[in-house]
Protein backbone atom coordinates (compact mmCIF):
# COMPACT_ATOMS: atom_id res chain seq x y z
CA GLN A 1 88.56 70.69 -9.05
CA VAL A 2 88.18 67.56 -11.15
CA GLN A 3 84.66 66.45 -12.07
CA LEU A 4 83.60 62.83 -12.52
CA VAL A 5 80.91 61.58 -14.89
CA GLU A 6 79.57 58.02 -14.62
CA SER A 7 77.86 56.13 -17.42
CA GLY A 8 76.88 52.60 -18.36
CA GLY A 9 74.08 51.91 -15.92
CA GLY A 10 70.77 50.39 -16.92
CA LEU A 11 68.32 47.55 -16.52
CA VAL A 12 69.69 44.02 -16.75
CA GLN A 13 68.35 40.56 -15.95
CA PRO A 14 69.87 38.48 -13.14
CA GLY A 15 73.03 36.80 -14.38
CA GLY A 16 73.69 39.56 -16.87
CA SER A 17 76.56 42.01 -17.18
CA LEU A 18 77.15 45.75 -17.30
CA ARG A 19 80.25 47.91 -17.55
CA LEU A 20 80.28 51.23 -15.77
CA SER A 21 82.62 54.03 -16.76
CA CYS A 22 83.83 56.99 -14.72
CA ALA A 23 85.48 59.72 -16.75
CA ALA A 24 87.43 62.54 -15.16
CA SER A 25 87.09 66.03 -16.61
CA ARG A 26 90.83 66.51 -16.87
CA ARG A 27 94.06 64.57 -16.65
CA ILE A 28 94.74 63.31 -13.18
CA PHE A 29 98.38 63.31 -12.27
CA SER A 30 98.16 61.93 -8.79
CA TYR A 31 95.56 60.51 -6.48
CA ASN A 32 95.31 58.11 -3.61
CA SER A 33 92.56 55.95 -5.08
CA MET A 34 89.60 55.91 -7.42
CA GLY A 35 86.68 53.60 -7.02
CA TRP A 36 83.02 52.87 -6.66
CA TYR A 37 80.37 52.90 -3.99
CA ARG A 38 76.70 52.02 -4.35
CA GLN A 39 73.50 52.89 -2.56
CA ALA A 40 70.37 50.76 -2.60
CA PRO A 41 66.97 52.27 -1.80
CA GLY A 42 66.60 52.82 1.93
CA LYS A 43 70.18 51.78 2.66
CA GLU A 44 73.45 53.55 3.35
CA ARG A 45 76.08 54.01 0.68
CA GLU A 46 78.46 51.04 0.70
CA PHE A 47 81.92 50.39 -0.67
CA VAL A 48 82.24 48.33 -3.85
CA ALA A 49 85.82 48.56 -5.15
CA PHE A 50 88.85 50.80 -5.46
CA ILE A 51 92.10 50.98 -7.38
CA THR A 52 95.18 52.99 -6.42
CA THR A 53 97.82 54.71 -8.53
CA GLY A 54 100.00 51.71 -7.83
CA THR A 55 97.18 49.48 -9.15
CA ASN A 56 96.47 47.99 -5.75
CA ILE A 57 92.88 46.79 -5.87
CA ASN A 58 90.31 45.94 -3.24
CA TYR A 59 86.73 44.67 -3.47
CA ALA A 60 83.82 44.31 -1.12
CA ASP A 61 83.28 40.67 -0.22
CA SER A 62 79.83 40.77 -1.82
CA VAL A 63 81.27 41.44 -5.31
CA LYS A 64 84.55 39.50 -5.25
CA GLY A 65 84.83 37.15 -8.20
CA ARG A 66 82.03 38.95 -10.08
CA PHE A 67 83.19 42.57 -10.44
CA THR A 68 86.45 43.84 -11.90
CA ILE A 69 87.78 47.37 -11.55
CA SER A 70 90.29 48.73 -14.04
CA LYS A 71 91.61 52.05 -15.32
CA ASP A 72 92.80 53.65 -18.51
CA ASN A 73 95.20 56.45 -17.60
CA ALA A 74 95.28 57.78 -21.16
CA LYS A 75 91.52 58.31 -21.04
CA ASN A 76 91.38 59.41 -17.39
CA THR A 77 88.72 56.77 -16.90
CA VAL A 78 88.00 54.04 -14.38
CA TYR A 79 85.78 51.10 -15.24
CA LEU A 80 83.72 48.62 -13.27
CA GLN A 81 82.93 45.41 -15.13
CA MET A 82 80.01 43.71 -13.40
CA ASN A 83 79.22 40.09 -14.23
CA SER A 84 76.77 37.57 -12.80
CA LEU A 85 74.62 40.40 -11.54
CA LYS A 86 72.13 39.75 -8.77
CA PRO A 87 68.99 41.65 -7.71
CA GLU A 88 70.85 42.76 -4.58
CA ASP A 89 73.34 44.61 -6.80
CA THR A 90 70.58 47.09 -7.64
CA GLY A 91 71.31 50.66 -6.66
CA VAL A 92 72.88 53.93 -7.67
CA TYR A 93 76.59 53.49 -8.33
CA TYR A 94 78.84 56.42 -7.49
CA CYS A 95 82.39 56.92 -8.66
CA TYR A 96 84.87 58.80 -6.49
CA ILE A 97 88.44 60.03 -6.51
CA SER A 98 90.47 60.52 -3.36
CA GLN A 99 93.04 63.29 -3.53
CA ASN A 100 92.88 66.06 -0.96
CA GLY A 101 89.50 64.90 0.20
CA ARG A 102 87.03 62.94 -1.87
CA THR A 103 85.16 64.04 -5.01
CA TRP A 104 82.04 62.18 -6.16
CA GLY A 105 80.26 61.74 -9.44
CA GLN A 106 76.52 62.16 -9.86
CA GLY A 107 75.79 58.43 -9.90
CA THR A 108 74.36 55.99 -12.41
CA GLN A 109 71.39 53.69 -11.78
CA VAL A 110 71.83 49.93 -12.01
CA THR A 111 68.70 47.78 -11.81
CA VAL A 112 68.92 43.99 -11.80
CA SER A 113 65.50 42.50 -12.30
CA SER A 114 63.66 39.94 -14.37
């Protein structure tokens, strides 16, 4: 089973940027989608963005125009570029891949605060 490792989280001021990476442990030949969810303290995990093998992309309304998801097939990696960050973007960001079921990474913390 493929494993996913997220990186790139950290502390950033409002209005700042971060780029998250999600690296798969092996080459992925087929999948339905890869993407990101996030979970703020005391809240349920919520959808952020996904990208399919056909490069169809979808975003949560709360991040449209600020976040960009992309992938590098040669590196088996999906990225989430986050710009114009807001305090409400704070949370643990989880990468997933949907194949036969869904596999999750361990999460990376993003904190937006002055």
